[in-house]
Structure formats: structure tokens, C-alpha cells
N, C-alpha and C. Protein backbone atom coordinates (compact mmCIF):
# COMPACT_ATOMS: atom_id res chain seq x y z
N MET A 1 40.40 -14.18 33.13
CA MET A 1 39.80 -15.47 32.86
C MET A 1 38.28 -15.40 32.96
N ARG A 2 37.79 -14.66 33.96
CA ARG A 2 36.33 -14.51 34.10
C ARG A 2 35.74 -13.85 32.86
N LEU A 3 36.43 -12.87 32.32
CA LEU A 3 35.93 -12.19 31.13
C LEU A 3 35.86 -13.15 29.94
N ILE A 4 36.82 -14.02 29.81
CA ILE A 4 36.81 -14.99 28.71
C ILE A 4 35.64 -15.95 28.87
N VAL A 5 35.44 -16.45 30.08
CA VAL A 5 34.32 -17.36 30.35
C VAL A 5 33.00 -16.65 30.09
N LEU A 6 32.87 -15.42 30.56
CA LEU A 6 31.65 -14.64 30.34
C LEU A 6 31.42 -14.40 28.85
N ALA A 7 32.47 -14.06 28.13
CA ALA A 7 32.36 -13.82 26.69
C ALA A 7 31.93 -15.09 25.97
N LEU A 8 32.52 -16.22 26.33
CA LEU A 8 32.13 -17.50 25.72
C LEU A 8 30.68 -17.85 26.03
N PHE A 9 30.27 -17.61 27.27
CA PHE A 9 28.89 -17.88 27.67
C PHE A 9 27.92 -17.01 26.87
N LEU A 10 28.20 -15.72 26.78
CA LEU A 10 27.31 -14.81 26.05
C LEU A 10 27.27 -15.15 24.56
N THR A 11 28.40 -15.53 24.00
CA THR A 11 28.44 -15.93 22.60
C THR A 11 27.60 -17.19 22.38
N SER A 12 27.75 -18.16 23.26
CA SER A 12 26.96 -19.40 23.16
C SER A 12 25.48 -19.12 23.29
N LEU A 13 25.12 -18.25 24.22
CA LEU A 13 23.73 -17.88 24.42
C LEU A 13 23.18 -17.19 23.19
N SER A 14 23.95 -16.29 22.61
CA SER A 14 23.53 -15.57 21.41
C SER A 14 23.31 -16.53 20.25
N ILE A 15 24.22 -17.48 20.07
CA ILE A 15 24.07 -18.46 18.99
C ILE A 15 22.85 -19.34 19.23
N ALA A 16 22.64 -19.77 20.45
CA ALA A 16 21.48 -20.60 20.78
C ALA A 16 20.18 -19.86 20.50
N CYS A 17 20.12 -18.59 20.89
CA CYS A 17 18.90 -17.80 20.67
C CYS A 17 18.65 -17.60 19.19
N SER A 18 19.70 -17.31 18.41
CA SER A 18 19.49 -17.09 16.99
C SER A 18 19.10 -18.39 16.30
N THR A 19 19.62 -19.52 16.74
CA THR A 19 19.23 -20.81 16.18
C THR A 19 17.77 -21.11 16.50
N ASP A 20 17.35 -20.86 17.74
CA ASP A 20 15.95 -21.06 18.11
C ASP A 20 15.05 -20.18 17.27
N HIS A 21 15.44 -18.91 17.09
CA HIS A 21 14.65 -17.98 16.29
C HIS A 21 14.57 -18.47 14.84
N SER A 22 15.70 -18.93 14.33
CA SER A 22 15.75 -19.41 12.96
C SER A 22 14.87 -20.65 12.78
N GLU A 23 14.94 -21.58 13.72
CA GLU A 23 14.12 -22.79 13.65
C GLU A 23 12.64 -22.44 13.78
N SER A 24 12.33 -21.54 14.68
CA SER A 24 10.94 -21.11 14.86
C SER A 24 10.42 -20.45 13.59
N ALA A 25 11.22 -19.58 12.99
CA ALA A 25 10.81 -18.91 11.76
C ALA A 25 10.60 -19.92 10.64
N LYS A 26 11.47 -20.91 10.56
CA LYS A 26 11.34 -21.94 9.52
C LYS A 26 10.05 -22.74 9.72
N GLU A 27 9.74 -23.09 10.96
CA GLU A 27 8.50 -23.81 11.26
C GLU A 27 7.28 -22.95 10.92
N ASP A 28 7.35 -21.67 11.25
CA ASP A 28 6.24 -20.76 10.94
C ASP A 28 6.03 -20.68 9.43
N GLN A 29 7.11 -20.52 8.68
CA GLN A 29 7.01 -20.43 7.22
C GLN A 29 6.44 -21.71 6.62
N MET A 30 6.83 -22.84 7.16
CA MET A 30 6.29 -24.12 6.68
C MET A 30 4.79 -24.22 6.99
N ALA A 31 4.37 -23.75 8.16
CA ALA A 31 2.95 -23.78 8.53
C ALA A 31 2.14 -22.86 7.61
N ILE A 32 2.69 -21.70 7.30
CA ILE A 32 2.00 -20.76 6.41
C ILE A 32 1.94 -21.32 5.00
N GLN A 33 3.02 -21.93 4.53
CA GLN A 33 3.01 -22.56 3.21
C GLN A 33 1.96 -23.67 3.16
N ALA A 34 1.81 -24.42 4.24
CA ALA A 34 0.81 -25.49 4.30
C ALA A 34 -0.60 -24.92 4.17
N ILE A 35 -0.84 -23.74 4.76
CA ILE A 35 -2.15 -23.09 4.62
C ILE A 35 -2.42 -22.77 3.16
N MET A 36 -1.42 -22.21 2.48
CA MET A 36 -1.59 -21.85 1.07
C MET A 36 -1.81 -23.10 0.21
N ASP A 37 -1.06 -24.16 0.50
CA ASP A 37 -1.23 -25.42 -0.25
C ASP A 37 -2.63 -25.99 -0.03
N ARG A 38 -3.11 -25.93 1.21
CA ARG A 38 -4.45 -26.45 1.52
C ARG A 38 -5.52 -25.60 0.83
N GLN A 39 -5.34 -24.28 0.85
CA GLN A 39 -6.32 -23.42 0.17
C GLN A 39 -6.39 -23.76 -1.32
N GLU A 40 -5.25 -23.93 -1.92
CA GLU A 40 -5.21 -24.29 -3.34
C GLU A 40 -5.95 -25.61 -3.59
N ALA A 41 -5.66 -26.61 -2.77
CA ALA A 41 -6.31 -27.93 -2.93
C ALA A 41 -7.82 -27.84 -2.70
N CYS A 42 -8.23 -27.13 -1.67
CA CYS A 42 -9.67 -26.99 -1.38
C CYS A 42 -10.39 -26.31 -2.53
N TRP A 43 -9.79 -25.22 -3.02
CA TRP A 43 -10.39 -24.48 -4.13
C TRP A 43 -10.54 -25.40 -5.35
N ASN A 44 -9.50 -26.13 -5.65
CA ASN A 44 -9.51 -26.98 -6.84
C ASN A 44 -10.46 -28.17 -6.72
N GLN A 45 -10.92 -28.45 -5.49
CA GLN A 45 -11.95 -29.46 -5.27
C GLN A 45 -13.34 -28.82 -5.26
N GLY A 46 -13.41 -27.51 -5.47
CA GLY A 46 -14.69 -26.81 -5.48
C GLY A 46 -15.26 -26.54 -4.10
N ASP A 47 -14.41 -26.55 -3.07
CA ASP A 47 -14.86 -26.43 -1.68
C ASP A 47 -14.44 -25.08 -1.09
N ILE A 48 -15.31 -24.08 -1.25
CA ILE A 48 -15.00 -22.74 -0.76
C ILE A 48 -14.95 -22.71 0.76
N THR A 49 -15.81 -23.48 1.43
CA THR A 49 -15.79 -23.51 2.90
C THR A 49 -14.43 -23.99 3.40
N CYS A 50 -13.91 -25.03 2.80
CA CYS A 50 -12.58 -25.55 3.15
C CYS A 50 -11.51 -24.49 2.85
N PHE A 51 -11.60 -23.84 1.70
CA PHE A 51 -10.67 -22.77 1.32
C PHE A 51 -10.63 -21.68 2.39
N MET A 52 -11.80 -21.34 2.93
CA MET A 52 -11.90 -20.26 3.92
C MET A 52 -11.33 -20.63 5.28
N GLU A 53 -11.01 -21.90 5.51
CA GLU A 53 -10.43 -22.30 6.80
C GLU A 53 -9.07 -21.64 7.04
N GLY A 54 -8.44 -21.12 5.99
CA GLY A 54 -7.18 -20.41 6.14
C GLY A 54 -7.35 -19.00 6.69
N TYR A 55 -8.59 -18.52 6.72
CA TYR A 55 -8.87 -17.16 7.18
C TYR A 55 -9.28 -17.14 8.65
N TRP A 56 -9.09 -16.00 9.26
CA TRP A 56 -9.47 -15.76 10.66
C TRP A 56 -10.99 -15.73 10.76
N PRO A 57 -11.60 -16.62 11.53
CA PRO A 57 -13.07 -16.62 11.65
C PRO A 57 -13.53 -15.53 12.62
N SER A 58 -13.45 -14.29 12.15
CA SER A 58 -13.73 -13.13 13.01
C SER A 58 -14.42 -12.04 12.20
N ASP A 59 -15.19 -11.23 12.90
CA ASP A 59 -15.80 -10.06 12.26
C ASP A 59 -14.74 -9.02 11.90
N SER A 60 -13.53 -9.17 12.43
CA SER A 60 -12.44 -8.22 12.15
C SER A 60 -11.61 -8.61 10.94
N LEU A 61 -11.87 -9.78 10.33
CA LEU A 61 -11.17 -10.14 9.10
C LEU A 61 -11.41 -9.04 8.07
N MET A 62 -10.36 -8.66 7.33
CA MET A 62 -10.49 -7.63 6.31
C MET A 62 -10.08 -8.19 4.96
N TYR A 63 -10.97 -8.05 3.96
CA TYR A 63 -10.67 -8.43 2.59
C TYR A 63 -10.82 -7.18 1.73
N ILE A 64 -9.79 -6.88 0.94
CA ILE A 64 -9.84 -5.73 0.04
C ILE A 64 -9.73 -6.24 -1.39
N GLY A 65 -10.72 -5.91 -2.19
CA GLY A 65 -10.73 -6.32 -3.59
C GLY A 65 -11.20 -5.18 -4.47
N SER A 66 -11.54 -5.49 -5.70
CA SER A 66 -11.94 -4.45 -6.66
C SER A 66 -13.22 -3.73 -6.26
N SER A 67 -14.06 -4.39 -5.45
CA SER A 67 -15.31 -3.74 -5.04
C SER A 67 -15.19 -3.04 -3.69
N GLY A 68 -13.97 -2.95 -3.16
CA GLY A 68 -13.78 -2.24 -1.89
C GLY A 68 -13.42 -3.16 -0.75
N ILE A 69 -13.66 -2.67 0.45
CA ILE A 69 -13.30 -3.40 1.67
C ILE A 69 -14.49 -4.20 2.17
N THR A 70 -14.24 -5.45 2.49
CA THR A 70 -15.24 -6.32 3.11
C THR A 70 -14.72 -6.71 4.48
N TYR A 71 -15.52 -6.50 5.51
CA TYR A 71 -15.15 -6.89 6.87
C TYR A 71 -15.92 -8.14 7.28
N GLY A 72 -15.25 -9.02 7.97
CA GLY A 72 -15.91 -10.17 8.57
C GLY A 72 -15.78 -11.44 7.76
N TYR A 73 -15.59 -12.53 8.47
CA TYR A 73 -15.44 -13.85 7.86
C TYR A 73 -16.67 -14.23 7.04
N ASP A 74 -17.86 -14.09 7.63
CA ASP A 74 -19.08 -14.49 6.92
C ASP A 74 -19.29 -13.68 5.65
N ASN A 75 -18.99 -12.39 5.69
CA ASN A 75 -19.13 -11.54 4.51
C ASN A 75 -18.13 -11.95 3.42
N ALA A 76 -16.91 -12.29 3.83
CA ALA A 76 -15.90 -12.74 2.86
C ALA A 76 -16.34 -14.07 2.23
N LEU A 77 -16.85 -14.98 3.04
CA LEU A 77 -17.33 -16.26 2.54
C LEU A 77 -18.48 -16.04 1.54
N ASP A 78 -19.43 -15.18 1.89
CA ASP A 78 -20.55 -14.87 0.99
C ASP A 78 -20.04 -14.28 -0.33
N ARG A 79 -19.04 -13.41 -0.24
CA ARG A 79 -18.47 -12.79 -1.43
C ARG A 79 -17.87 -13.85 -2.36
N TYR A 80 -17.10 -14.77 -1.79
CA TYR A 80 -16.52 -15.84 -2.61
C TYR A 80 -17.61 -16.70 -3.24
N ARG A 81 -18.62 -17.05 -2.47
CA ARG A 81 -19.72 -17.89 -3.01
C ARG A 81 -20.47 -17.17 -4.12
N ARG A 82 -20.67 -15.87 -3.97
CA ARG A 82 -21.39 -15.09 -4.97
C ARG A 82 -20.57 -14.97 -6.27
N ASN A 83 -19.26 -14.71 -6.13
CA ASN A 83 -18.41 -14.50 -7.30
C ASN A 83 -17.97 -15.79 -7.99
N TYR A 84 -18.01 -16.90 -7.26
CA TYR A 84 -17.57 -18.19 -7.80
C TYR A 84 -18.62 -19.25 -7.49
N PRO A 85 -19.79 -19.17 -8.17
CA PRO A 85 -20.93 -20.03 -7.81
C PRO A 85 -20.79 -21.50 -8.21
N ASP A 86 -19.88 -21.81 -9.12
CA ASP A 86 -19.75 -23.20 -9.57
C ASP A 86 -18.31 -23.47 -10.01
N GLN A 87 -18.04 -24.73 -10.33
CA GLN A 87 -16.68 -25.14 -10.68
C GLN A 87 -16.19 -24.45 -11.96
N ALA A 88 -17.10 -24.17 -12.90
CA ALA A 88 -16.69 -23.49 -14.13
C ALA A 88 -16.12 -22.10 -13.82
N ASN A 89 -16.71 -21.42 -12.84
CA ASN A 89 -16.21 -20.10 -12.44
C ASN A 89 -15.01 -20.20 -11.52
N MET A 90 -14.94 -21.27 -10.74
CA MET A 90 -13.81 -21.45 -9.82
C MET A 90 -12.55 -21.87 -10.57
N GLY A 91 -12.68 -22.81 -11.48
CA GLY A 91 -11.53 -23.26 -12.24
C GLY A 91 -10.47 -23.92 -11.37
N THR A 92 -9.23 -23.84 -11.82
CA THR A 92 -8.09 -24.40 -11.11
C THR A 92 -7.21 -23.26 -10.62
N LEU A 93 -7.02 -23.21 -9.31
CA LEU A 93 -6.25 -22.13 -8.68
C LEU A 93 -4.78 -22.52 -8.54
N THR A 94 -3.93 -21.57 -8.86
CA THR A 94 -2.49 -21.72 -8.64
C THR A 94 -1.97 -20.47 -7.95
N PHE A 95 -1.25 -20.67 -6.84
CA PHE A 95 -0.58 -19.57 -6.15
C PHE A 95 0.91 -19.61 -6.48
N ARG A 96 1.53 -18.43 -6.51
CA ARG A 96 2.98 -18.33 -6.56
C ARG A 96 3.38 -17.29 -5.52
N ILE A 97 4.12 -17.74 -4.53
CA ILE A 97 4.55 -16.83 -3.46
C ILE A 97 5.80 -16.09 -3.92
N VAL A 98 5.73 -14.76 -3.86
CA VAL A 98 6.86 -13.92 -4.25
C VAL A 98 7.75 -13.65 -3.04
N THR A 99 7.13 -13.21 -1.94
CA THR A 99 7.89 -12.96 -0.70
C THR A 99 7.06 -13.40 0.49
N LEU A 100 7.76 -13.80 1.54
CA LEU A 100 7.14 -14.10 2.83
C LEU A 100 8.09 -13.53 3.88
N ASP A 101 7.67 -12.45 4.52
CA ASP A 101 8.53 -11.72 5.45
C ASP A 101 7.98 -11.77 6.86
N ARG A 102 8.85 -12.08 7.79
CA ARG A 102 8.48 -12.10 9.21
C ARG A 102 8.46 -10.67 9.73
N LEU A 103 7.33 -10.25 10.28
CA LEU A 103 7.20 -8.92 10.87
C LEU A 103 7.42 -8.96 12.38
N ALA A 104 7.00 -10.06 12.99
CA ALA A 104 7.13 -10.26 14.44
C ALA A 104 6.97 -11.76 14.69
N SER A 105 7.11 -12.17 15.92
CA SER A 105 6.99 -13.61 16.21
C SER A 105 5.60 -14.15 15.90
N ASP A 106 4.61 -13.26 15.81
CA ASP A 106 3.24 -13.70 15.53
C ASP A 106 2.66 -13.06 14.28
N ALA A 107 3.51 -12.58 13.37
CA ALA A 107 3.00 -11.90 12.18
C ALA A 107 3.94 -12.08 10.98
N TYR A 108 3.34 -12.40 9.84
CA TYR A 108 4.07 -12.51 8.57
C TYR A 108 3.30 -11.77 7.49
N HIS A 109 4.03 -11.22 6.54
CA HIS A 109 3.47 -10.52 5.39
C HIS A 109 3.86 -11.30 4.14
N MET A 110 2.88 -11.60 3.30
CA MET A 110 3.14 -12.36 2.08
C MET A 110 2.69 -11.55 0.87
N VAL A 111 3.48 -11.61 -0.19
CA VAL A 111 3.12 -11.06 -1.49
C VAL A 111 3.17 -12.22 -2.47
N GLY A 112 2.16 -12.29 -3.33
CA GLY A 112 2.13 -13.39 -4.27
C GLY A 112 1.27 -13.12 -5.49
N GLU A 113 1.19 -14.12 -6.32
CA GLU A 113 0.37 -14.08 -7.52
C GLU A 113 -0.63 -15.23 -7.48
N TRP A 114 -1.80 -15.01 -8.05
CA TRP A 114 -2.80 -16.07 -8.15
C TRP A 114 -3.25 -16.17 -9.59
N LYS A 115 -3.68 -17.35 -9.98
CA LYS A 115 -4.18 -17.56 -11.33
C LYS A 115 -5.29 -18.60 -11.28
N LEU A 116 -6.35 -18.31 -12.01
CA LEU A 116 -7.45 -19.27 -12.18
C LEU A 116 -7.53 -19.66 -13.65
N ASP A 117 -7.31 -20.94 -13.92
CA ASP A 117 -7.53 -21.48 -15.26
C ASP A 117 -8.97 -21.97 -15.27
N ARG A 118 -9.83 -21.32 -16.12
CA ARG A 118 -11.27 -21.59 -16.07
C ARG A 118 -11.85 -21.79 -17.45
N GLU A 119 -12.95 -22.53 -17.47
CA GLU A 119 -13.71 -22.71 -18.71
C GLU A 119 -14.28 -21.39 -19.21
N VAL A 120 -14.62 -20.50 -18.28
CA VAL A 120 -15.26 -19.23 -18.64
C VAL A 120 -14.24 -18.12 -18.87
N GLY A 121 -12.97 -18.46 -18.95
CA GLY A 121 -11.92 -17.47 -19.19
C GLY A 121 -10.96 -17.38 -18.01
N ASN A 122 -9.69 -17.38 -18.31
CA ASN A 122 -8.68 -17.34 -17.26
C ASN A 122 -8.55 -15.93 -16.68
N ILE A 123 -8.31 -15.88 -15.38
CA ILE A 123 -8.05 -14.62 -14.70
C ILE A 123 -6.91 -14.84 -13.71
N GLY A 124 -6.34 -13.74 -13.25
CA GLY A 124 -5.27 -13.83 -12.28
C GLY A 124 -4.97 -12.47 -11.71
N GLY A 125 -4.00 -12.41 -10.83
CA GLY A 125 -3.64 -11.15 -10.23
C GLY A 125 -2.61 -11.33 -9.14
N HIS A 126 -2.58 -10.35 -8.26
CA HIS A 126 -1.62 -10.33 -7.16
C HIS A 126 -2.36 -10.23 -5.83
N PHE A 127 -1.65 -10.58 -4.76
CA PHE A 127 -2.24 -10.46 -3.43
C PHE A 127 -1.16 -10.12 -2.42
N THR A 128 -1.62 -9.47 -1.36
CA THR A 128 -0.81 -9.31 -0.16
C THR A 128 -1.65 -9.85 0.99
N LEU A 129 -1.02 -10.66 1.81
CA LEU A 129 -1.72 -11.27 2.95
C LEU A 129 -0.97 -10.94 4.22
N LEU A 130 -1.73 -10.69 5.27
CA LEU A 130 -1.15 -10.55 6.60
C LEU A 130 -1.59 -11.76 7.40
N PHE A 131 -0.63 -12.56 7.82
CA PHE A 131 -0.89 -13.73 8.67
C PHE A 131 -0.58 -13.36 10.11
N ARG A 132 -1.44 -13.82 11.02
CA ARG A 132 -1.20 -13.66 12.46
C ARG A 132 -1.36 -15.02 13.12
N LYS A 133 -0.58 -15.22 14.15
CA LYS A 133 -0.71 -16.44 14.95
C LYS A 133 -1.63 -16.12 16.11
N ILE A 134 -2.85 -16.66 16.05
CA ILE A 134 -3.87 -16.39 17.05
C ILE A 134 -4.25 -17.72 17.70
N ASP A 135 -4.15 -17.77 19.01
CA ASP A 135 -4.40 -19.02 19.75
C ASP A 135 -3.59 -20.18 19.17
N GLU A 136 -2.32 -19.89 18.87
CA GLU A 136 -1.35 -20.88 18.37
C GLU A 136 -1.65 -21.40 16.96
N VAL A 137 -2.53 -20.70 16.22
CA VAL A 137 -2.88 -21.10 14.86
C VAL A 137 -2.61 -19.93 13.92
N TRP A 138 -1.91 -20.19 12.81
CA TRP A 138 -1.70 -19.16 11.80
C TRP A 138 -2.96 -18.99 10.96
N VAL A 139 -3.39 -17.74 10.78
CA VAL A 139 -4.57 -17.43 9.97
C VAL A 139 -4.32 -16.14 9.19
N ILE A 140 -5.04 -16.01 8.09
CA ILE A 140 -5.00 -14.77 7.31
C ILE A 140 -5.96 -13.79 7.98
N VAL A 141 -5.47 -12.61 8.35
CA VAL A 141 -6.32 -11.61 8.99
C VAL A 141 -6.63 -10.45 8.04
N LYS A 142 -5.77 -10.26 7.02
CA LYS A 142 -6.01 -9.22 6.01
C LYS A 142 -5.58 -9.77 4.65
N ASP A 143 -6.43 -9.54 3.66
CA ASP A 143 -6.18 -10.02 2.29
C ASP A 143 -6.49 -8.88 1.34
N HIS A 144 -5.50 -8.45 0.59
CA HIS A 144 -5.70 -7.44 -0.44
C HIS A 144 -5.36 -8.10 -1.77
N SER A 145 -6.38 -8.38 -2.56
CA SER A 145 -6.19 -9.08 -3.84
C SER A 145 -6.64 -8.19 -4.99
N SER A 146 -5.87 -8.23 -6.07
CA SER A 146 -6.23 -7.47 -7.26
C SER A 146 -6.19 -8.39 -8.47
N GLN A 147 -6.95 -8.01 -9.46
CA GLN A 147 -7.01 -8.79 -10.70
C GLN A 147 -6.26 -8.03 -11.78
N THR A 148 -5.46 -8.75 -12.56
CA THR A 148 -4.75 -8.14 -13.68
C THR A 148 -5.09 -8.93 -14.94
N SER A 149 -4.87 -8.32 -16.08
CA SER A 149 -5.16 -9.04 -17.32
C SER A 149 -4.08 -10.08 -17.59
N LEU A 150 -4.51 -11.18 -18.16
CA LEU A 150 -3.57 -12.26 -18.49
C LEU A 150 -3.23 -12.23 -19.96
């Protein structure tokens, strides 16, 4: 009888833990999706500073693009401002998330596509993002973006 009670207890505990993990993962994914939605909205309003709020405000932020690796939040912000100086160059941003995978309780990896519909010519490409939960806030800590022909 003790074994049955113990088995039922352990089964209940296992189910409770997996449900908590599942709920936590769902909340994390929704928070990360909200960051992407906000970035899209900020960009489409021409607000690069607002767009950058999704990134980790640290010198350790890493951005990898066609011109190489850029370290640091301020350098990434300067890069965006230099490459997209006005609304004609910024255009309308659309993200499409391909995968969002949980690596750990405080880390997610995302693969997606981006597209800019612009007056000066449409561009787009792919990205991989590493999100970390730092001080209870999800932020992008690594961004590897590439441009492809449309």
C-alpha cells in the first residue's frame, strides 16, 4: 500500500512539475513574441531607439551582420541609425518567426525572416536571435542577421 501511495505521489508531483514548466515556457514564449511585435511596431513608426529596447543594454551585446561583428548596445544603435537614416530607408518591417526553441529556463533561440518594404527598394533576409532573461526581463543578447535577395 505504501508503494502505491508513493507511486501516486511521485506521479502527481511529476505532472505538476511538467505543467508548471509548460506554463512557464508558454509565458516566456508570449513575452518574447511581445518583444518582436513591439520591435516591429517601433520600427514602422520610425523609432529606432524604441526598436532597440528589445536588446540587452550592455557592452556585451553582440550583433553579427554583413560587415562583421559589432559589440555593445551603443555601437549597435549607431549602426542602425547609420544604415537607416530616415523613414524611406527604414520602410515597413515584417518579421516571420520560423522557430523558437527553449535552451534553458533563461534562454531561447529564435530563427526567423525579416522583410523591409521600402521606397528605396525592398530588402529582407534571415536572423537568429539568442534571448536571455536578465533581471527578470527577456532581452536579445546576440543577433545574427543576413540579407538575401528578394
